[in-house]
């Protein structure tokens, strides 16, 4: 028995030159719509960065929409995407579809227009580590200082994006804090709840 991977959905269009096949993602890109779905890592971020830069070169003033449904992921990769979102001159609209958590929440909050669907939710917390390195006390100290530095960077960005104090952000990120759609708007993580996209 052979196992075949599922083909991504394709759109079929008849033209005067014949039949054209293209993916939904290609169609979305043509409409300046991107997806940040799943784990945030170097591979997913590099794809998004390339797409954003391409669209910014095509039209430096037209809006780009990023649909976000992500549990978060690598802080360094997420910050690279954040920097590009802020570096391009065209406005970036973010839409929370499902859950924007951890680094996904920071990227969602970084949009120039931040929309959330009625059952969307946003989760913020301090940076996590899945494993603590063993070794010398100096190595442990260095690791701890690095983690606290990341906490400070992400905390300051969230404070700026939500217009909250750093202390208020630290209070909320001490544990996993979930904001449902209207709560996200009240806290400053989103601008409005939408029912149509």
N, C-alpha and C. Protein backbone atom coordinates (compact mmCIF):
# COMPACT_ATOMS: atom_id res chain seq x y z
N UNK A 1 0.85 -1.19 0.00
CA UNK A 1 0.00 0.00 0.00
C UNK A 1 0.88 1.24 0.00
N UNK A 2 0.64 2.14 -0.90
CA UNK A 2 1.46 3.35 -0.97
C UNK A 2 0.75 4.49 -0.27
N UNK A 3 1.54 5.32 0.37
CA UNK A 3 1.01 6.49 1.07
C UNK A 3 1.38 7.73 0.27
N UNK A 4 0.40 8.53 -0.06
CA UNK A 4 0.67 9.76 -0.81
C UNK A 4 0.26 10.94 0.03
N UNK A 5 1.02 12.00 -0.03
CA UNK A 5 0.67 13.20 0.72
C UNK A 5 -0.43 13.94 -0.02
N UNK A 6 -1.29 14.57 0.74
CA UNK A 6 -2.41 15.30 0.14
C UNK A 6 -1.90 16.51 -0.62
N UNK A 7 -2.47 16.71 -1.77
CA UNK A 7 -2.12 17.88 -2.57
C UNK A 7 -2.81 19.10 -1.97
N UNK A 8 -2.12 20.24 -1.93
CA UNK A 8 -2.79 21.44 -1.44
C UNK A 8 -3.94 21.81 -2.38
N UNK A 9 -5.02 22.39 -1.84
CA UNK A 9 -6.15 22.76 -2.70
C UNK A 9 -5.71 23.69 -3.82
N UNK A 10 -6.25 23.42 -5.01
CA UNK A 10 -5.89 24.24 -6.16
C UNK A 10 -7.13 24.91 -6.74
N UNK A 11 -6.91 26.07 -7.31
CA UNK A 11 -7.97 26.82 -7.98
C UNK A 11 -7.78 26.61 -9.48
N UNK A 12 -8.87 26.34 -10.17
CA UNK A 12 -8.83 26.14 -11.62
C UNK A 12 -9.53 27.33 -12.27
N UNK A 13 -8.84 27.94 -13.24
CA UNK A 13 -9.41 29.11 -13.90
C UNK A 13 -9.22 28.96 -15.41
N UNK A 14 -10.31 29.15 -16.13
CA UNK A 14 -10.24 29.10 -17.60
C UNK A 14 -9.97 30.49 -18.13
N UNK A 15 -9.00 30.58 -19.01
CA UNK A 15 -8.68 31.85 -19.65
C UNK A 15 -8.66 31.65 -21.16
N UNK A 16 -8.46 32.73 -21.87
CA UNK A 16 -8.38 32.62 -23.34
C UNK A 16 -7.14 31.84 -23.77
N UNK A 17 -6.17 31.73 -22.87
CA UNK A 17 -4.94 30.99 -23.16
C UNK A 17 -5.00 29.55 -22.67
N UNK A 18 -6.13 29.16 -22.12
CA UNK A 18 -6.26 27.79 -21.62
C UNK A 18 -6.57 27.77 -20.13
N UNK A 19 -6.39 26.61 -19.51
CA UNK A 19 -6.71 26.43 -18.09
C UNK A 19 -5.47 26.72 -17.25
N UNK A 20 -5.68 27.50 -16.18
CA UNK A 20 -4.59 27.83 -15.25
C UNK A 20 -4.92 27.21 -13.90
N UNK A 21 -3.91 26.59 -13.28
CA UNK A 21 -4.06 26.02 -11.94
C UNK A 21 -3.15 26.80 -10.99
N UNK A 22 -3.68 27.16 -9.84
CA UNK A 22 -2.83 27.80 -8.82
C UNK A 22 -3.38 27.51 -7.44
N UNK A 23 -2.53 27.67 -6.41
CA UNK A 23 -2.93 27.32 -5.05
C UNK A 23 -3.70 28.47 -4.41
N UNK A 24 -4.40 28.14 -3.34
CA UNK A 24 -5.12 29.16 -2.58
C UNK A 24 -4.13 30.19 -2.04
N UNK A 25 -2.95 29.73 -1.60
CA UNK A 25 -1.94 30.65 -1.07
C UNK A 25 -1.47 31.63 -2.14
N UNK A 26 -1.33 31.16 -3.38
CA UNK A 26 -0.94 32.05 -4.48
C UNK A 26 -2.03 33.09 -4.74
N UNK A 27 -3.30 32.64 -4.65
CA UNK A 27 -4.41 33.56 -4.84
C UNK A 27 -4.44 34.60 -3.71
N UNK A 28 -4.21 34.14 -2.47
CA UNK A 28 -4.19 35.05 -1.33
C UNK A 28 -3.05 36.08 -1.48
N UNK A 29 -1.89 35.62 -1.90
CA UNK A 29 -0.75 36.52 -2.08
C UNK A 29 -1.08 37.62 -3.09
N UNK A 30 -1.78 37.24 -4.15
CA UNK A 30 -2.18 38.23 -5.17
C UNK A 30 -3.13 39.26 -4.57
N UNK A 31 -3.88 38.86 -3.53
CA UNK A 31 -4.81 39.79 -2.85
C UNK A 31 -4.16 40.43 -1.62
N UNK A 32 -2.83 40.24 -1.47
CA UNK A 32 -2.05 40.82 -0.37
C UNK A 32 -2.50 40.27 0.99
N UNK A 33 -2.83 38.99 1.02
CA UNK A 33 -3.24 38.31 2.24
C UNK A 33 -2.26 37.17 2.52
N UNK A 34 -1.76 37.11 3.77
CA UNK A 34 -0.78 36.11 4.17
C UNK A 34 -1.30 35.36 5.39
N UNK A 35 -0.70 34.19 5.67
CA UNK A 35 -1.08 33.41 6.84
C UNK A 35 0.12 33.15 7.74
N UNK A 36 -0.08 33.38 9.04
CA UNK A 36 0.90 33.00 10.05
C UNK A 36 0.20 31.94 10.90
N UNK A 37 0.39 30.69 10.49
CA UNK A 37 -0.36 29.58 11.08
C UNK A 37 0.63 28.55 11.62
N UNK A 38 0.36 28.04 12.81
CA UNK A 38 1.23 27.03 13.39
C UNK A 38 2.42 27.65 14.10
N UNK A 39 3.44 26.83 14.31
CA UNK A 39 4.60 27.26 15.08
C UNK A 39 5.39 28.35 14.36
N UNK A 40 5.85 29.30 15.14
CA UNK A 40 6.71 30.36 14.61
C UNK A 40 8.15 29.87 14.73
N UNK A 41 8.79 29.69 13.58
CA UNK A 41 10.17 29.23 13.55
C UNK A 41 10.87 29.86 12.35
N UNK A 42 12.13 29.56 12.18
CA UNK A 42 12.92 30.20 11.12
C UNK A 42 12.30 29.97 9.74
N UNK A 43 11.83 28.75 9.49
CA UNK A 43 11.28 28.43 8.17
C UNK A 43 10.00 29.21 7.89
N UNK A 44 9.05 29.17 8.83
CA UNK A 44 7.77 29.86 8.60
C UNK A 44 7.97 31.37 8.52
N UNK A 45 8.85 31.90 9.35
CA UNK A 45 9.10 33.34 9.37
C UNK A 45 9.81 33.79 8.10
N UNK A 46 10.77 33.02 7.62
CA UNK A 46 11.47 33.41 6.39
C UNK A 46 10.51 33.49 5.21
N UNK A 47 9.54 32.56 5.15
CA UNK A 47 8.53 32.61 4.09
C UNK A 47 7.71 33.89 4.20
N UNK A 48 7.25 34.21 5.41
CA UNK A 48 6.45 35.43 5.61
C UNK A 48 7.25 36.69 5.30
N UNK A 49 8.49 36.72 5.73
CA UNK A 49 9.34 37.90 5.47
C UNK A 49 9.50 38.10 3.97
N UNK A 50 9.75 37.02 3.23
CA UNK A 50 9.90 37.12 1.77
C UNK A 50 8.62 37.65 1.13
N UNK A 51 7.47 37.15 1.60
CA UNK A 51 6.19 37.58 1.04
C UNK A 51 5.92 39.06 1.35
N UNK A 52 6.20 39.47 2.58
CA UNK A 52 5.98 40.87 2.96
C UNK A 52 6.87 41.80 2.14
N UNK A 53 8.14 41.43 2.00
CA UNK A 53 9.07 42.27 1.24
C UNK A 53 8.65 42.35 -0.23
N UNK A 54 8.20 41.22 -0.77
CA UNK A 54 7.74 41.20 -2.17
C UNK A 54 6.55 42.14 -2.35
N UNK A 55 5.56 42.03 -1.45
CA UNK A 55 4.36 42.87 -1.56
C UNK A 55 4.68 44.34 -1.34
N UNK A 56 5.61 44.63 -0.44
CA UNK A 56 6.01 46.02 -0.19
C UNK A 56 6.68 46.62 -1.42
N UNK A 57 7.44 45.80 -2.15
CA UNK A 57 8.07 46.29 -3.39
C UNK A 57 7.03 46.51 -4.48
N UNK A 58 5.99 45.68 -4.51
CA UNK A 58 4.94 45.82 -5.52
C UNK A 58 4.14 47.11 -5.31
N UNK A 59 3.86 47.41 -4.04
CA UNK A 59 3.08 48.62 -3.71
C UNK A 59 3.41 48.99 -2.27
N UNK A 60 4.11 50.08 -2.11
CA UNK A 60 4.60 50.46 -0.78
C UNK A 60 3.53 51.11 0.09
N UNK A 61 2.34 51.32 -0.46
CA UNK A 61 1.28 51.98 0.32
C UNK A 61 0.06 51.10 0.57
N UNK A 62 -0.13 50.06 -0.22
CA UNK A 62 -1.31 49.21 -0.08
C UNK A 62 -1.17 48.29 1.13
N UNK A 63 -2.29 48.07 1.79
CA UNK A 63 -2.31 47.27 3.02
C UNK A 63 -2.01 45.80 2.77
N UNK A 64 -1.31 45.18 3.73
CA UNK A 64 -1.08 43.74 3.74
C UNK A 64 -1.84 43.19 4.94
N UNK A 65 -2.58 42.10 4.74
CA UNK A 65 -3.31 41.46 5.83
C UNK A 65 -2.63 40.14 6.18
N UNK A 66 -2.38 39.95 7.49
CA UNK A 66 -1.81 38.68 7.97
C UNK A 66 -2.82 38.03 8.91
N UNK A 67 -3.29 36.84 8.53
CA UNK A 67 -4.19 36.05 9.38
C UNK A 67 -3.33 35.21 10.31
N UNK A 68 -3.57 35.33 11.62
CA UNK A 68 -2.73 34.67 12.61
C UNK A 68 -3.54 33.65 13.41
N UNK A 69 -3.04 32.42 13.45
CA UNK A 69 -3.57 31.35 14.29
C UNK A 69 -2.35 30.53 14.71
N UNK A 70 -1.70 30.96 15.79
CA UNK A 70 -0.40 30.40 16.14
C UNK A 70 -0.24 30.22 17.65
N UNK A 71 0.38 29.09 18.06
CA UNK A 71 0.67 28.89 19.47
C UNK A 71 1.95 29.60 19.91
N UNK A 72 2.61 30.28 18.98
CA UNK A 72 3.89 30.94 19.29
C UNK A 72 5.05 30.10 18.81
N UNK A 73 6.21 30.36 19.38
CA UNK A 73 7.40 29.61 18.97
C UNK A 73 8.67 30.37 19.32
N UNK A 74 9.62 30.35 18.41
CA UNK A 74 10.94 30.92 18.67
C UNK A 74 10.89 32.44 18.78
N UNK A 75 11.42 32.96 19.85
CA UNK A 75 11.40 34.40 20.07
C UNK A 75 12.24 35.12 19.02
N UNK A 76 13.44 34.60 18.75
CA UNK A 76 14.33 35.29 17.80
C UNK A 76 13.71 35.35 16.41
N UNK A 77 13.05 34.28 15.99
CA UNK A 77 12.39 34.28 14.68
C UNK A 77 11.21 35.25 14.68
N UNK A 78 10.43 35.23 15.76
CA UNK A 78 9.30 36.15 15.86
C UNK A 78 9.71 37.60 15.85
N UNK A 79 10.81 37.92 16.52
CA UNK A 79 11.29 39.30 16.54
C UNK A 79 11.80 39.73 15.17
N UNK A 80 12.36 38.79 14.41
CA UNK A 80 12.79 39.12 13.04
C UNK A 80 11.58 39.51 12.20
N UNK A 81 10.49 38.76 12.34
CA UNK A 81 9.27 39.09 11.60
C UNK A 81 8.68 40.41 12.09
N UNK A 82 8.69 40.63 13.39
CA UNK A 82 8.20 41.89 13.96
C UNK A 82 8.96 43.08 13.35
N UNK A 83 10.28 42.96 13.29
CA UNK A 83 11.11 44.04 12.74
C UNK A 83 10.75 44.35 11.29
N UNK A 84 10.51 43.30 10.50
CA UNK A 84 10.16 43.50 9.09
C UNK A 84 8.77 44.14 8.98
N UNK A 85 7.83 43.69 9.81
CA UNK A 85 6.49 44.29 9.80
C UNK A 85 6.56 45.78 10.08
N UNK A 86 7.47 46.19 10.97
CA UNK A 86 7.60 47.60 11.32
C UNK A 86 8.46 48.37 10.32
N UNK A 87 9.30 47.65 9.57
CA UNK A 87 10.25 48.32 8.66
C UNK A 87 9.62 48.69 7.32
N UNK A 88 8.61 47.93 6.88
CA UNK A 88 8.01 48.24 5.58
C UNK A 88 7.08 49.45 5.72
N UNK A 89 6.93 50.18 4.64
CA UNK A 89 6.12 51.40 4.70
C UNK A 89 4.62 51.14 4.55
N UNK A 90 4.25 50.00 3.97
CA UNK A 90 2.82 49.73 3.80
C UNK A 90 2.21 49.28 5.13
N UNK A 91 0.95 49.66 5.36
CA UNK A 91 0.30 49.26 6.61
C UNK A 91 0.08 47.75 6.67
N UNK A 92 0.21 47.21 7.88
CA UNK A 92 0.01 45.79 8.11
C UNK A 92 -1.24 45.61 8.98
N UNK A 93 -2.21 44.90 8.45
CA UNK A 93 -3.41 44.55 9.23
C UNK A 93 -3.25 43.12 9.71
N UNK A 94 -3.48 42.88 11.00
CA UNK A 94 -3.43 41.53 11.53
C UNK A 94 -4.84 41.11 11.93
N UNK A 95 -5.15 39.83 11.70
CA UNK A 95 -6.45 39.28 12.05
C UNK A 95 -6.24 38.01 12.85
N UNK A 96 -6.76 37.97 14.08
CA UNK A 96 -6.66 36.78 14.92
C UNK A 96 -7.79 35.83 14.55
N UNK A 97 -7.41 34.68 14.00
CA UNK A 97 -8.34 33.64 13.62
C UNK A 97 -8.03 32.44 14.52
N UNK A 98 -8.82 32.21 15.54
CA UNK A 98 -8.51 31.13 16.48
C UNK A 98 -7.74 31.68 17.66
N UNK A 99 -6.45 31.33 17.74
CA UNK A 99 -5.64 31.73 18.89
C UNK A 99 -4.33 32.36 18.44
N UNK A 100 -4.01 33.49 19.04
CA UNK A 100 -2.69 34.10 18.87
C UNK A 100 -2.04 34.05 20.25
N UNK A 101 -1.10 33.14 20.43
CA UNK A 101 -0.50 32.92 21.75
C UNK A 101 0.99 33.21 21.74
N UNK A 102 1.49 33.67 22.89
CA UNK A 102 2.92 33.87 23.11
C UNK A 102 3.49 34.81 22.03
N UNK A 103 4.46 34.36 21.25
CA UNK A 103 5.01 35.21 20.20
C UNK A 103 3.96 35.51 19.13
N UNK A 104 3.01 34.61 18.93
CA UNK A 104 1.90 34.88 18.01
C UNK A 104 1.07 36.06 18.48
N UNK A 105 0.93 36.21 19.81
CA UNK A 105 0.18 37.34 20.38
C UNK A 105 0.92 38.65 20.13
N UNK A 106 2.24 38.63 20.29
CA UNK A 106 3.02 39.85 20.07
C UNK A 106 2.94 40.28 18.61
N UNK A 107 3.01 39.31 17.70
CA UNK A 107 2.93 39.64 16.27
C UNK A 107 1.53 40.14 15.91
N UNK A 108 0.50 39.54 16.50
CA UNK A 108 -0.85 40.03 16.27
C UNK A 108 -0.99 41.47 16.75
N UNK A 109 -0.50 41.73 17.96
CA UNK A 109 -0.62 43.08 18.55
C UNK A 109 0.20 44.11 17.78
N UNK A 110 1.16 43.66 16.97
CA UNK A 110 2.04 44.58 16.23
C UNK A 110 1.39 45.16 14.99
N UNK A 111 0.20 44.69 14.63
CA UNK A 111 -0.46 45.20 13.43
C UNK A 111 -0.86 46.65 13.55
N UNK A 112 -0.91 47.34 12.42
CA UNK A 112 -1.38 48.72 12.41
C UNK A 112 -2.89 48.77 12.63
N UNK A 113 -3.60 47.76 12.14
CA UNK A 113 -5.03 47.55 12.41
C UNK A 113 -5.14 46.11 12.90
N UNK A 114 -5.67 45.90 14.11
CA UNK A 114 -5.69 44.57 14.73
C UNK A 114 -7.13 44.11 14.94
N UNK A 115 -7.56 43.17 14.11
CA UNK A 115 -8.93 42.66 14.17
C UNK A 115 -8.93 41.26 14.74
N UNK A 116 -9.98 40.93 15.50
CA UNK A 116 -10.11 39.60 16.09
C UNK A 116 -11.53 39.10 15.84
N UNK A 117 -11.65 37.84 15.48
CA UNK A 117 -12.96 37.24 15.27
C UNK A 117 -13.62 36.97 16.63
N UNK A 118 -14.95 36.85 16.68
CA UNK A 118 -15.67 36.77 17.95
C UNK A 118 -15.20 35.67 18.90
N UNK A 119 -14.75 34.53 18.37
CA UNK A 119 -14.30 33.44 19.23
C UNK A 119 -12.78 33.32 19.27
N UNK A 120 -12.10 34.36 18.80
CA UNK A 120 -10.65 34.37 18.87
C UNK A 120 -10.19 34.64 20.30
N UNK A 121 -8.96 34.26 20.58
CA UNK A 121 -8.39 34.58 21.88
C UNK A 121 -6.89 34.84 21.74
N UNK A 122 -6.40 35.63 22.67
CA UNK A 122 -4.99 36.02 22.68
C UNK A 122 -4.41 35.60 24.02
N UNK A 123 -3.23 34.98 24.01
CA UNK A 123 -2.59 34.56 25.26
C UNK A 123 -1.18 35.14 25.34
N UNK A 124 -0.90 35.80 26.47
CA UNK A 124 0.45 36.32 26.70
C UNK A 124 1.04 35.68 27.95
N UNK A 125 2.35 35.52 27.94
CA UNK A 125 3.07 35.01 29.11
C UNK A 125 4.55 35.34 28.97
N UNK A 126 5.28 35.11 30.05
CA UNK A 126 6.72 35.30 30.00
C UNK A 126 7.34 34.29 29.04
N UNK A 127 8.52 34.61 28.49
CA UNK A 127 9.21 33.63 27.63
C UNK A 127 9.45 32.34 28.41
N UNK A 128 9.26 31.22 27.72
CA UNK A 128 9.43 29.91 28.35
C UNK A 128 10.67 29.22 27.81
N UNK A 129 11.18 28.30 28.62
CA UNK A 129 12.21 27.40 28.14
C UNK A 129 11.78 25.98 28.47
N UNK A 130 11.96 25.09 27.53
CA UNK A 130 11.55 23.71 27.75
C UNK A 130 12.61 22.92 28.50
N UNK A 131 13.83 23.39 28.46
CA UNK A 131 14.89 22.68 29.18
C UNK A 131 15.89 23.67 29.73
N UNK A 132 16.36 23.38 30.89
CA UNK A 132 17.36 24.23 31.52
C UNK A 132 18.71 23.56 31.34
N UNK A 133 19.69 24.27 30.85
CA UNK A 133 20.98 23.62 30.59
C UNK A 133 21.67 23.23 31.89
N UNK A 134 22.34 22.11 31.84
CA UNK A 134 23.15 21.72 32.99
C UNK A 134 24.52 22.38 32.90
N UNK A 135 25.37 22.06 33.82
CA UNK A 135 26.72 22.61 33.75
C UNK A 135 27.03 23.51 34.92
N UNK A 136 27.97 24.36 34.69
CA UNK A 136 28.49 25.21 35.77
C UNK A 136 27.49 26.27 36.18
N UNK A 137 27.76 26.84 37.37
CA UNK A 137 26.92 27.92 37.88
C UNK A 137 26.97 29.13 36.95
N UNK A 138 28.14 29.39 36.36
CA UNK A 138 28.27 30.53 35.44
C UNK A 138 27.43 30.32 34.18
N UNK A 139 27.38 29.08 33.72
CA UNK A 139 26.56 28.78 32.53
C UNK A 139 25.08 28.99 32.86
N UNK A 140 24.66 28.53 34.03
CA UNK A 140 23.27 28.70 34.47
C UNK A 140 22.95 30.18 34.62
N UNK A 141 23.88 30.96 35.16
CA UNK A 141 23.67 32.40 35.36
C UNK A 141 23.51 33.09 34.01
N UNK A 142 24.36 32.74 33.05
CA UNK A 142 24.30 33.33 31.72
C UNK A 142 22.96 33.01 31.05
N UNK A 143 22.51 31.76 31.19
CA UNK A 143 21.24 31.35 30.61
C UNK A 143 20.09 32.14 31.23
N UNK A 144 20.12 32.28 32.54
CA UNK A 144 19.07 33.02 33.25
C UNK A 144 19.04 34.48 32.84
N UNK A 145 20.22 35.09 32.71
CA UNK A 145 20.30 36.49 32.29
C UNK A 145 19.75 36.68 30.88
N UNK A 146 20.04 35.72 30.00
CA UNK A 146 19.55 35.78 28.62
C UNK A 146 18.02 35.71 28.61
N UNK A 147 17.45 34.82 29.42
CA UNK A 147 16.01 34.66 29.49
C UNK A 147 15.35 35.93 30.03
N UNK A 148 15.96 36.54 31.02
CA UNK A 148 15.41 37.77 31.60
C UNK A 148 15.51 38.93 30.60
N UNK A 149 16.56 38.92 29.79
CA UNK A 149 16.72 39.96 28.76
C UNK A 149 15.61 39.83 27.72
N UNK A 150 15.30 38.59 27.31
CA UNK A 150 14.21 38.35 26.36
C UNK A 150 12.89 38.80 26.98
N UNK A 151 12.70 38.51 28.27
CA UNK A 151 11.48 38.93 28.97
C UNK A 151 11.34 40.45 28.93
N UNK A 152 12.45 41.15 29.12
CA UNK A 152 12.42 42.61 29.10
C UNK A 152 12.07 43.14 27.71
N UNK A 153 12.68 42.55 26.69
CA UNK A 153 12.41 42.99 25.31
C UNK A 153 10.94 42.79 24.96
N UNK A 154 10.42 41.58 25.18
CA UNK A 154 9.04 41.30 24.81
C UNK A 154 8.06 42.09 25.70
N UNK A 155 8.42 42.27 26.97
CA UNK A 155 7.57 43.05 27.86
C UNK A 155 7.46 44.50 27.41
N UNK A 156 8.58 45.09 27.04
CA UNK A 156 8.57 46.49 26.57
C UNK A 156 7.78 46.65 25.29
N UNK A 157 7.91 45.68 24.38
CA UNK A 157 7.15 45.74 23.12
C UNK A 157 5.65 45.65 23.40
N UNK A 158 5.25 44.71 24.25
CA UNK A 158 3.83 44.57 24.59
C UNK A 158 3.30 45.82 25.29
N UNK A 159 4.12 46.42 26.16
CA UNK A 159 3.70 47.65 26.85
C UNK A 159 3.47 48.77 25.83
N UNK A 160 4.37 48.88 24.88
CA UNK A 160 4.24 49.92 23.84
C UNK A 160 3.01 49.68 22.96
N UNK A 161 2.78 48.41 22.59
CA UNK A 161 1.68 48.08 21.69
C UNK A 161 0.31 48.19 22.35
N UNK A 162 0.26 47.99 23.68
CA UNK A 162 -1.03 48.02 24.39
C UNK A 162 -1.25 49.33 25.15
N UNK A 163 -0.21 50.17 25.21
CA UNK A 163 -0.25 51.42 25.99
C UNK A 163 -0.44 51.14 27.48
N UNK A 164 0.15 50.04 27.94
CA UNK A 164 0.16 49.70 29.35
C UNK A 164 1.56 49.95 29.90
N UNK A 165 1.67 49.98 31.22
CA UNK A 165 3.00 50.11 31.83
C UNK A 165 3.69 48.75 31.78
N UNK A 166 5.00 48.77 31.88
CA UNK A 166 5.76 47.52 31.90
C UNK A 166 5.35 46.67 33.10
N UNK A 167 5.06 47.32 34.22
CA UNK A 167 4.64 46.59 35.43
C UNK A 167 3.31 45.87 35.19
N UNK A 168 2.38 46.54 34.49
CA UNK A 168 1.10 45.90 34.17
C UNK A 168 1.29 44.69 33.27
N UNK A 169 2.21 44.81 32.32
CA UNK A 169 2.50 43.68 31.42
C UNK A 169 3.12 42.53 32.20
N UNK A 170 4.09 42.84 33.06
CA UNK A 170 4.74 41.79 33.85
C UNK A 170 3.73 41.07 34.74
N UNK A 171 2.77 41.83 35.25
CA UNK A 171 1.75 41.22 36.10
C UNK A 171 0.92 40.21 35.31
N UNK A 172 0.59 40.56 34.07
CA UNK A 172 -0.23 39.68 33.24
C UNK A 172 0.57 38.51 32.67
N UNK A 173 1.86 38.72 32.44
CA UNK A 173 2.66 37.66 31.81
C UNK A 173 3.31 36.73 32.83
N UNK A 174 3.11 36.98 34.11
CA UNK A 174 3.69 36.10 35.13
C UNK A 174 3.14 34.68 34.97
N UNK A 175 1.88 34.57 34.54
CA UNK A 175 1.25 33.29 34.22
C UNK A 175 0.67 33.39 32.82
N UNK A 176 0.17 32.27 32.29
CA UNK A 176 -0.55 32.31 31.03
C UNK A 176 -1.83 33.10 31.24
N UNK A 177 -1.99 34.22 30.53
CA UNK A 177 -3.20 35.03 30.65
C UNK A 177 -3.91 35.05 29.30
N UNK A 178 -5.15 34.57 29.31
CA UNK A 178 -5.95 34.52 28.08
C UNK A 178 -6.91 35.69 28.04
N UNK A 179 -7.04 36.27 26.86
CA UNK A 179 -7.99 37.35 26.61
C UNK A 179 -8.91 36.90 25.48
N UNK A 180 -10.20 36.77 25.78
CA UNK A 180 -11.16 36.50 24.72
C UNK A 180 -11.39 37.81 23.95
N UNK A 181 -12.05 37.71 22.83
CA UNK A 181 -12.09 38.80 21.85
C UNK A 181 -12.31 40.18 22.47
N UNK A 182 -13.40 40.38 23.21
CA UNK A 182 -13.69 41.71 23.77
C UNK A 182 -12.69 42.10 24.85
N UNK A 183 -12.17 41.11 25.59
CA UNK A 183 -11.15 41.39 26.60
C UNK A 183 -9.85 41.84 25.95
N UNK A 184 -9.53 41.25 24.80
CA UNK A 184 -8.32 41.65 24.07
C UNK A 184 -8.42 43.10 23.62
N UNK A 185 -9.61 43.52 23.20
CA UNK A 185 -9.82 44.92 22.81
C UNK A 185 -9.68 45.82 24.03
N UNK A 186 -10.29 45.43 25.14
CA UNK A 186 -10.23 46.25 26.36
C UNK A 186 -8.80 46.40 26.87
N UNK A 187 -7.99 45.36 26.74
CA UNK A 187 -6.61 45.41 27.24
C UNK A 187 -5.67 46.12 26.27
N UNK A 188 -6.11 46.34 25.04
CA UNK A 188 -5.26 47.02 24.06
C UNK A 188 -4.47 46.10 23.17
N UNK A 189 -4.78 44.79 23.19
CA UNK A 189 -4.10 43.85 22.31
C UNK A 189 -4.75 43.81 20.93
N UNK A 190 -6.02 44.23 20.85
CA UNK A 190 -6.75 44.25 19.58
C UNK A 190 -7.49 45.58 19.47
N UNK A 191 -7.86 45.93 18.26
CA UNK A 191 -8.59 47.18 18.03
C UNK A 191 -10.09 46.99 17.93
N UNK A 192 -10.52 45.85 17.33
CA UNK A 192 -11.96 45.65 17.18
C UNK A 192 -12.26 44.17 16.95
N UNK A 193 -13.48 43.80 17.32
CA UNK A 193 -13.99 42.46 17.04
C UNK A 193 -14.76 42.55 15.72
N UNK A 194 -14.46 41.64 14.81
CA UNK A 194 -15.12 41.66 13.50
C UNK A 194 -15.89 40.36 13.29
N UNK A 195 -16.91 40.42 12.48
CA UNK A 195 -17.68 39.22 12.16
C UNK A 195 -17.58 38.84 10.68
N UNK A 196 -16.96 39.70 9.88
CA UNK A 196 -16.80 39.42 8.46
C UNK A 196 -15.34 39.66 8.06
N UNK A 197 -14.82 38.76 7.22
CA UNK A 197 -13.48 38.94 6.70
C UNK A 197 -13.52 38.87 5.18
